[in-house]
PDB file of N, CA and C in Angstrom:
ATOM      1  N   UNK A   1     -34.728 -16.462  23.607  1.00  0.00           N
ATOM      2  CA  UNK A   1     -34.378 -15.019  23.442  1.00  0.00           C
ATOM      3  C   UNK A   1     -33.836 -14.822  22.104  1.00  0.00           C
ATOM      4  N   UNK A   2     -34.674 -14.382  21.199  1.00  0.00           N
ATOM      5  CA  UNK A   2     -34.199 -14.073  19.839  1.00  0.00           C
ATOM      6  C   UNK A   2     -33.956 -12.534  19.916  1.00  0.00           C
ATOM      7  N   UNK A   3     -32.647 -12.311  19.638  1.00  0.00           N
ATOM      8  CA  UNK A   3     -32.203 -10.874  19.677  1.00  0.00           C
ATOM      9  C   UNK A   3     -31.757 -10.570  18.253  1.00  0.00           C
ATOM     10  N   UNK A   4     -32.417  -9.527  17.697  1.00  0.00           N
ATOM     11  CA  UNK A   4     -32.042  -9.181  16.303  1.00  0.00           C
ATOM     12  C   UNK A   4     -30.813  -8.308  16.379  1.00  0.00           C
ATOM     13  N   UNK A   5     -29.772  -8.717  15.652  1.00  0.00           N
ATOM     14  CA  UNK A   5     -28.485  -7.968  15.687  1.00  0.00           C
ATOM     15  C   UNK A   5     -28.737  -6.730  14.886  1.00  0.00           C
ATOM     16  N   UNK A   6     -28.216  -5.635  15.395  1.00  0.00           N
ATOM     17  CA  UNK A   6     -28.178  -4.350  14.639  1.00  0.00           C
ATOM     18  C   UNK A   6     -27.050  -4.464  13.659  1.00  0.00           C
ATOM     19  N   UNK A   7     -27.263  -3.976  12.433  1.00  0.00           N
ATOM     20  CA  UNK A   7     -26.190  -4.050  11.440  1.00  0.00           C
ATOM     21  C   UNK A   7     -25.141  -3.101  11.854  1.00  0.00           C
ATOM     22  N   UNK A   8     -23.873  -3.569  11.469  1.00  0.00           N
ATOM     23  CA  UNK A   8     -22.711  -2.780  11.773  1.00  0.00           C
ATOM     24  C   UNK A   8     -22.657  -1.540  10.822  1.00  0.00           C
ATOM     25  N   UNK A   9     -22.104  -0.480  11.311  1.00  0.00           N
ATOM     26  CA  UNK A   9     -21.998   0.743  10.466  1.00  0.00           C
ATOM     27  C   UNK A   9     -20.435   1.134  10.396  1.00  0.00           C
ATOM     28  N   UNK A  10     -20.159   1.762   9.284  1.00  0.00           N
ATOM     29  CA  UNK A  10     -18.764   2.145   9.084  1.00  0.00           C
ATOM     30  C   UNK A  10     -18.758   3.503   8.334  1.00  0.00           C
ATOM     31  N   UNK A  11     -17.589   4.109   8.230  1.00  0.00           N
ATOM     32  CA  UNK A  11     -17.453   5.407   7.621  1.00  0.00           C
ATOM     33  C   UNK A  11     -16.459   5.200   6.466  1.00  0.00           C
ATOM     34  N   UNK A  12     -16.862   5.518   5.318  1.00  0.00           N
ATOM     35  CA  UNK A  12     -15.949   5.359   4.084  1.00  0.00           C
ATOM     36  C   UNK A  12     -14.753   6.292   4.201  1.00  0.00           C
ATOM     37  N   UNK A  13     -13.504   5.733   4.075  1.00  0.00           N
ATOM     38  CA  UNK A  13     -12.377   6.653   4.139  1.00  0.00           C
ATOM     39  C   UNK A  13     -12.194   7.648   2.997  1.00  0.00           C
ATOM     40  N   UNK A  14     -12.955   7.372   1.915  1.00  0.00           N
ATOM     41  CA  UNK A  14     -12.850   8.323   0.684  1.00  0.00           C
ATOM     42  C   UNK A  14     -13.797   9.539   0.757  1.00  0.00           C
ATOM     43  N   UNK A  15     -15.168   9.159   0.986  1.00  0.00           N
ATOM     44  CA  UNK A  15     -16.076  10.167   0.933  1.00  0.00           C
ATOM     45  C   UNK A  15     -16.763  10.497   2.324  1.00  0.00           C
ATOM     46  N   UNK A  16     -16.345   9.796   3.390  1.00  0.00           N
ATOM     47  CA  UNK A  16     -16.798   9.958   4.725  1.00  0.00           C
ATOM     48  C   UNK A  16     -18.336   9.648   4.894  1.00  0.00           C
ATOM     49  N   UNK A  17     -18.958   8.870   4.000  1.00  0.00           N
ATOM     50  CA  UNK A  17     -20.329   8.404   4.074  1.00  0.00           C
ATOM     51  C   UNK A  17     -20.401   7.421   5.081  1.00  0.00           C
ATOM     52  N   UNK A  18     -21.446   7.478   5.959  1.00  0.00           N
ATOM     53  CA  UNK A  18     -21.637   6.364   6.916  1.00  0.00           C
ATOM     54  C   UNK A  18     -22.703   5.419   6.239  1.00  0.00           C
ATOM     55  N   UNK A  19     -22.256   4.109   6.316  1.00  0.00           N
ATOM     56  CA  UNK A  19     -23.066   3.111   5.655  1.00  0.00           C
ATOM     57  C   UNK A  19     -23.162   1.835   6.464  1.00  0.00           C
ATOM     58  N   UNK A  20     -24.134   1.022   6.139  1.00  0.00           N
ATOM     59  CA  UNK A  20     -24.239  -0.267   6.772  1.00  0.00           C
ATOM     60  C   UNK A  20     -23.255  -1.308   6.235  1.00  0.00           C
ATOM     61  N   UNK A  21     -22.567  -1.957   6.948  1.00  0.00           N
ATOM     62  CA  UNK A  21     -21.570  -2.968   6.506  1.00  0.00           C
ATOM     63  C   UNK A  21     -22.159  -4.285   6.101  1.00  0.00           C
ATOM     64  N   UNK A  22     -21.972  -4.634   4.855  1.00  0.00           N
ATOM     65  CA  UNK A  22     -22.311  -6.006   4.364  1.00  0.00           C
ATOM     66  C   UNK A  22     -21.025  -6.717   4.270  1.00  0.00           C
ATOM     67  N   UNK A  23     -20.838  -7.822   5.168  1.00  0.00           N
ATOM     68  CA  UNK A  23     -19.624  -8.525   5.249  1.00  0.00           C
ATOM     69  C   UNK A  23     -19.279  -9.177   3.924  1.00  0.00           C
ATOM     70  N   UNK A  24     -20.142  -9.385   3.081  1.00  0.00           N
ATOM     71  CA  UNK A  24     -19.912 -10.062   1.747  1.00  0.00           C
ATOM     72  C   UNK A  24     -19.359  -9.055   0.785  1.00  0.00           C
ATOM     73  N   UNK A  25     -19.470  -7.801   1.018  1.00  0.00           N
ATOM     74  CA  UNK A  25     -19.105  -6.726   0.068  1.00  0.00           C
ATOM     75  C   UNK A  25     -17.597  -6.746  -0.226  1.00  0.00           C
ATOM     76  N   UNK A  26     -17.217  -6.702  -1.498  1.00  0.00           N
ATOM     77  CA  UNK A  26     -15.777  -6.682  -1.881  1.00  0.00           C
ATOM     78  C   UNK A  26     -15.274  -5.270  -1.759  1.00  0.00           C
ATOM     79  N   UNK A  27     -16.107  -4.324  -1.514  1.00  0.00           N
ATOM     80  CA  UNK A  27     -15.646  -2.878  -1.465  1.00  0.00           C
ATOM     81  C   UNK A  27     -15.223  -2.512  -0.102  1.00  0.00           C
ATOM     82  N   UNK A  28     -15.328  -3.304   0.989  1.00  0.00           N
ATOM     83  CA  UNK A  28     -14.914  -2.833   2.329  1.00  0.00           C
ATOM     84  C   UNK A  28     -13.465  -2.400   2.311  1.00  0.00           C
ATOM     85  N   UNK A  29     -13.049  -1.424   2.917  1.00  0.00           N
ATOM     86  CA  UNK A  29     -13.712  -0.605   3.890  1.00  0.00           C
ATOM     87  C   UNK A  29     -14.438   0.635   3.239  1.00  0.00           C
ATOM     88  N   UNK A  30     -14.521   0.534   1.859  1.00  0.00           N
ATOM     89  CA  UNK A  30     -15.205   1.626   1.115  1.00  0.00           C
ATOM     90  C   UNK A  30     -16.681   1.377   1.004  1.00  0.00           C
ATOM     91  N   UNK A  31     -17.434   2.448   0.714  1.00  0.00           N
ATOM     92  CA  UNK A  31     -18.889   2.329   0.580  1.00  0.00           C
ATOM     93  C   UNK A  31     -19.296   1.839  -0.884  1.00  0.00           C
ATOM     94  N   UNK A  32     -18.370   1.982  -1.818  1.00  0.00           N
ATOM     95  CA  UNK A  32     -18.734   1.567  -3.179  1.00  0.00           C
ATOM     96  C   UNK A  32     -17.476   1.341  -4.022  1.00  0.00           C
ATOM     97  N   UNK A  33     -17.685   0.688  -5.164  1.00  0.00           N
ATOM     98  CA  UNK A  33     -16.572   0.504  -6.117  1.00  0.00           C
ATOM     99  C   UNK A  33     -15.960   1.810  -6.555  1.00  0.00           C
ATOM    100  N   UNK A  34     -16.819   2.842  -6.673  1.00  0.00           N
ATOM    101  CA  UNK A  34     -16.215   4.133  -7.151  1.00  0.00           C
ATOM    102  C   UNK A  34     -15.253   4.653  -6.097  1.00  0.00           C
ATOM    103  N   UNK A  35     -15.602   4.686  -4.798  1.00  0.00           N
ATOM    104  CA  UNK A  35     -14.655   5.193  -3.799  1.00  0.00           C
ATOM    105  C   UNK A  35     -13.416   4.326  -3.676  1.00  0.00           C
ATOM    106  N   UNK A  36     -13.623   3.019  -3.906  1.00  0.00           N
ATOM    107  CA  UNK A  36     -12.388   2.144  -3.903  1.00  0.00           C
ATOM    108  C   UNK A  36     -11.432   2.568  -5.040  1.00  0.00           C
ATOM    109  N   UNK A  37     -11.967   2.806  -6.219  1.00  0.00           N
ATOM    110  CA  UNK A  37     -11.122   3.154  -7.398  1.00  0.00           C
ATOM    111  C   UNK A  37     -10.560   4.544  -7.195  1.00  0.00           C
ATOM    112  N   UNK A  38     -11.317   5.430  -6.596  1.00  0.00           N
ATOM    113  CA  UNK A  38     -10.680   6.743  -6.260  1.00  0.00           C
ATOM    114  C   UNK A  38      -9.435   6.670  -5.360  1.00  0.00           C
ATOM    115  N   UNK A  39      -9.544   5.783  -4.323  1.00  0.00           N
ATOM    116  CA  UNK A  39      -8.470   5.597  -3.460  1.00  0.00           C
ATOM    117  C   UNK A  39      -7.263   4.966  -4.133  1.00  0.00           C
ATOM    118  N   UNK A  40      -7.479   3.992  -4.980  1.00  0.00           N
ATOM    119  CA  UNK A  40      -6.470   3.302  -5.747  1.00  0.00           C
ATOM    120  C   UNK A  40      -5.814   4.337  -6.612  1.00  0.00           C
ATOM    121  N   UNK A  41      -6.522   5.272  -7.271  1.00  0.00           N
ATOM    122  CA  UNK A  41      -5.976   6.246  -8.066  1.00  0.00           C
ATOM    123  C   UNK A  41      -5.100   7.206  -7.367  1.00  0.00           C
ATOM    124  N   UNK A  42      -5.457   7.565  -6.081  1.00  0.00           N
ATOM    125  CA  UNK A  42      -4.588   8.416  -5.236  1.00  0.00           C
ATOM    126  C   UNK A  42      -3.334   7.654  -4.870  1.00  0.00           C
ATOM    127  N   UNK A  43      -3.283   6.457  -4.588  1.00  0.00           N
ATOM    128  CA  UNK A  43      -2.060   5.723  -4.401  1.00  0.00           C
ATOM    129  C   UNK A  43      -1.202   5.640  -5.637  1.00  0.00           C
ATOM    130  N   UNK A  44      -1.822   5.395  -6.789  1.00  0.00           N
ATOM    131  CA  UNK A  44      -1.020   5.215  -8.069  1.00  0.00           C
ATOM    132  C   UNK A  44      -0.480   6.547  -8.523  1.00  0.00           C
ATOM    133  N   UNK A  45      -1.113   7.637  -8.221  1.00  0.00           N
ATOM    134  CA  UNK A  45      -0.574   9.041  -8.517  1.00  0.00           C
ATOM    135  C   UNK A  45       0.218   9.624  -7.401  1.00  0.00           C
ATOM    136  N   UNK A  46       0.582   8.783  -6.427  1.00  0.00           N
ATOM    137  CA  UNK A  46       1.377   9.140  -5.314  1.00  0.00           C
ATOM    138  C   UNK A  46       0.890  10.316  -4.540  1.00  0.00           C
ATOM    139  N   UNK A  47      -0.434  10.549  -4.545  1.00  0.00           N
ATOM    140  CA  UNK A  47      -1.107  11.499  -3.656  1.00  0.00           C
ATOM    141  C   UNK A  47      -1.055  11.055  -2.261  1.00  0.00           C
ATOM    142  N   UNK A  48      -1.044   9.709  -2.033  1.00  0.00           N
ATOM    143  CA  UNK A  48      -0.949   9.152  -0.745  1.00  0.00           C
ATOM    144  C   UNK A  48       0.293   8.283  -0.803  1.00  0.00           C
ATOM    145  N   UNK A  49       1.192   8.438   0.244  1.00  0.00           N
ATOM    146  CA  UNK A  49       2.456   7.693   0.294  1.00  0.00           C
ATOM    147  C   UNK A  49       2.743   7.258   1.754  1.00  0.00           C
ATOM    148  N   UNK A  50       3.563   6.261   1.888  1.00  0.00           N
ATOM    149  CA  UNK A  50       3.955   5.931   3.251  1.00  0.00           C
ATOM    150  C   UNK A  50       5.225   6.720   3.634  1.00  0.00           C
ATOM    151  N   UNK A  51       5.263   7.387   4.726  1.00  0.00           N
ATOM    152  CA  UNK A  51       6.426   8.161   5.142  1.00  0.00           C
ATOM    153  C   UNK A  51       7.643   7.224   5.299  1.00  0.00           C
ATOM    154  N   UNK A  52       8.771   7.584   4.690  1.00  0.00           N
ATOM    155  CA  UNK A  52      10.000   6.920   4.905  1.00  0.00           C
ATOM    156  C   UNK A  52      11.124   7.931   5.093  1.00  0.00           C
ATOM    157  N   UNK A  53      12.165   7.511   5.771  1.00  0.00           N
ATOM    158  CA  UNK A  53      13.348   8.301   5.856  1.00  0.00           C
ATOM    159  C   UNK A  53      14.276   8.198   4.687  1.00  0.00           C
ATOM    160  N   UNK A  54      14.771   9.284   4.224  1.00  0.00           N
ATOM    161  CA  UNK A  54      15.641   9.184   3.050  1.00  0.00           C
ATOM    162  C   UNK A  54      17.070   8.566   3.656  1.00  0.00           C
ATOM    163  N   UNK A  55      17.513   7.657   2.904  1.00  0.00           N
ATOM    164  CA  UNK A  55      18.758   6.912   3.275  1.00  0.00           C
ATOM    165  C   UNK A  55      20.021   7.718   2.824  1.00  0.00           C
ATOM    166  N   UNK A  56      21.015   7.712   3.586  1.00  0.00           N
ATOM    167  CA  UNK A  56      22.265   8.306   3.146  1.00  0.00           C
ATOM    168  C   UNK A  56      22.886   7.437   2.120  1.00  0.00           C
ATOM    169  N   UNK A  57      23.714   8.099   1.266  1.00  0.00           N
ATOM    170  CA  UNK A  57      24.448   7.347   0.232  1.00  0.00           C
ATOM    171  C   UNK A  57      25.222   6.143   0.806  1.00  0.00           C
ATOM    172  N   UNK A  58      25.888   6.315   1.962  1.00  0.00           N
ATOM    173  CA  UNK A  58      26.705   5.326   2.522  1.00  0.00           C
ATOM    174  C   UNK A  58      25.821   4.169   2.917  1.00  0.00           C
ATOM    175  N   UNK A  59      24.636   4.440   3.462  1.00  0.00           N
ATOM    176  CA  UNK A  59      23.685   3.360   3.831  1.00  0.00           C
ATOM    177  C   UNK A  59      23.233   2.592   2.631  1.00  0.00           C
ATOM    178  N   UNK A  60      22.924   3.257   1.511  1.00  0.00           N
ATOM    179  CA  UNK A  60      22.573   2.623   0.264  1.00  0.00           C
ATOM    180  C   UNK A  60      23.701   1.648  -0.192  1.00  0.00           C
ATOM    181  N   UNK A  61      24.936   2.168  -0.228  1.00  0.00           N
ATOM    182  CA  UNK A  61      26.041   1.322  -0.647  1.00  0.00           C
ATOM    183  C   UNK A  61      26.161   0.130   0.278  1.00  0.00           C
ATOM    184  N   UNK A  62      26.005   0.259   1.558  1.00  0.00           N
ATOM    185  CA  UNK A  62      26.148  -0.804   2.429  1.00  0.00           C
ATOM    186  C   UNK A  62      24.976  -1.868   2.222  1.00  0.00           C
ATOM    187  N   UNK A  63      23.854  -1.396   2.015  1.00  0.00           N
ATOM    188  CA  UNK A  63      22.682  -2.379   1.819  1.00  0.00           C
ATOM    189  C   UNK A  63      22.824  -2.992   0.507  1.00  0.00           C
ATOM    190  N   UNK A  64      23.316  -2.416  -0.557  1.00  0.00           N
ATOM    191  CA  UNK A  64      23.359  -2.991  -1.888  1.00  0.00           C
ATOM    192  C   UNK A  64      24.669  -3.754  -2.039  1.00  0.00           C
ATOM    193  N   UNK A  65      25.664  -3.517  -1.168  1.00  0.00           N
ATOM    194  CA  UNK A  65      26.862  -4.289  -1.273  1.00  0.00           C
ATOM    195  C   UNK A  65      27.855  -3.725  -2.293  1.00  0.00           C
ATOM    196  N   UNK A  66      27.522  -2.536  -2.874  1.00  0.00           N
ATOM    197  CA  UNK A  66      28.265  -1.963  -3.926  1.00  0.00           C
ATOM    198  C   UNK A  66      28.999  -0.681  -3.397  1.00  0.00           C
ATOM    199  N   UNK A  67      30.278  -0.729  -3.475  1.00  0.00           N
ATOM    200  CA  UNK A  67      31.072   0.472  -3.074  1.00  0.00           C
ATOM    201  C   UNK A  67      31.466   1.276  -4.353  1.00  0.00           C
ATOM    202  N   UNK A  68      31.479   2.532  -4.157  1.00  0.00           N
ATOM    203  CA  UNK A  68      31.913   3.470  -5.254  1.00  0.00           C
ATOM    204  C   UNK A  68      33.290   3.092  -5.780  1.00  0.00           C
ATOM    205  N   UNK A  69      33.394   3.010  -7.080  1.00  0.00           N
ATOM    206  CA  UNK A  69      34.695   2.867  -7.755  1.00  0.00           C
ATOM    207  C   UNK A  69      35.242   1.419  -7.817  1.00  0.00           C
ATOM    208  N   UNK A  70      34.508   0.487  -7.190  1.00  0.00           N
ATOM    209  CA  UNK A  70      35.001  -0.899  -7.236  1.00  0.00           C
ATOM    210  C   UNK A  70      34.030  -1.731  -8.180  1.00  0.00           C
ATOM    211  N   UNK A  71      34.575  -2.657  -8.973  1.00  0.00           N
ATOM    212  CA  UNK A  71      33.694  -3.382  -9.819  1.00  0.00           C
ATOM    213  C   UNK A  71      32.868  -4.335  -9.045  1.00  0.00           C
ATOM    214  N   UNK A  72      31.761  -4.697  -9.532  1.00  0.00           N
ATOM    215  CA  UNK A  72      30.779  -5.609  -8.955  1.00  0.00           C
ATOM    216  C   UNK A  72      31.185  -7.071  -9.386  1.00  0.00           C
ATOM    217  N   UNK A  73      31.262  -7.921  -8.444  1.00  0.00           N
ATOM    218  CA  UNK A  73      31.571  -9.259  -8.796  1.00  0.00           C
ATOM    219  C   UNK A  73      30.292 -10.080  -8.679  1.00  0.00           C
ATOM    220  N   UNK A  74      29.991 -10.747  -9.920  1.00  0.00           N
ATOM    221  CA  UNK A  74      28.772 -11.587  -9.980  1.00  0.00           C
ATOM    222  C   UNK A  74      29.018 -12.949  -9.514  1.00  0.00           C
ATOM    223  N   UNK A  75      28.037 -13.598  -8.913  1.00  0.00           N
ATOM    224  CA  UNK A  75      28.183 -15.045  -8.603  1.00  0.00           C
ATOM    225  C   UNK A  75      28.488 -15.907  -9.757  1.00  0.00           C
ATOM    226  N   UNK A  76      29.075 -17.003  -9.632  1.00  0.00           N
ATOM    227  CA  UNK A  76      29.342 -17.930 -10.811  1.00  0.00           C
ATOM    228  C   UNK A  76      27.955 -18.224 -11.448  1.00  0.00           C
ATOM    229  N   UNK A  77      27.961 -18.199 -12.871  1.00  0.00           N
ATOM    230  CA  UNK A  77      26.747 -18.534 -13.652  1.00  0.00           C
ATOM    231  C   UNK A  77      25.960 -17.247 -13.935  1.00  0.00           C
ATOM    232  N   UNK A  78      26.285 -16.134 -13.328  1.00  0.00           N
ATOM    233  CA  UNK A  78      25.585 -14.848 -13.708  1.00  0.00           C
ATOM    234  C   UNK A  78      26.369 -14.074 -14.694  1.00  0.00           C
ATOM    235  N   UNK A  79      25.696 -13.597 -15.663  1.00  0.00           N
ATOM    236  CA  UNK A  79      26.385 -12.785 -16.711  1.00  0.00           C
ATOM    237  C   UNK A  79      25.883 -11.469 -16.897  1.00  0.00           C
ATOM    238  N   UNK A  80      26.703 -10.496 -17.307  1.00  0.00           N
ATOM    239  CA  UNK A  80      26.213  -9.155 -17.604  1.00  0.00           C
ATOM    240  C   UNK A  80      25.273  -9.174 -18.771  1.00  0.00           C
ATOM    241  N   UNK A  81      24.278  -8.257 -18.698  1.00  0.00           N
ATOM    242  CA  UNK A  81      23.222  -8.246 -19.761  1.00  0.00           C
ATOM    243  C   UNK A  81      23.717  -7.419 -20.916  1.00  0.00           C
TER     244      UNK A  81
END
């Protein structure tokens, strides 16, 4: 029983083109290098971003370990630039 596999198909997230998937392609999940670069440009220009909640100032201080008005103590061997 020789069954010929039908090629996989995908839809490009940049241009919505339906194309046959070549598993060796470096452009996946995009249809071409051009669409891949367009997507990269959108990320670099911050047209696409991951949603995050804005942290309150108190939370930022807690995470960084720095409290307002108090000097920062560096570990031994560390020097101010």
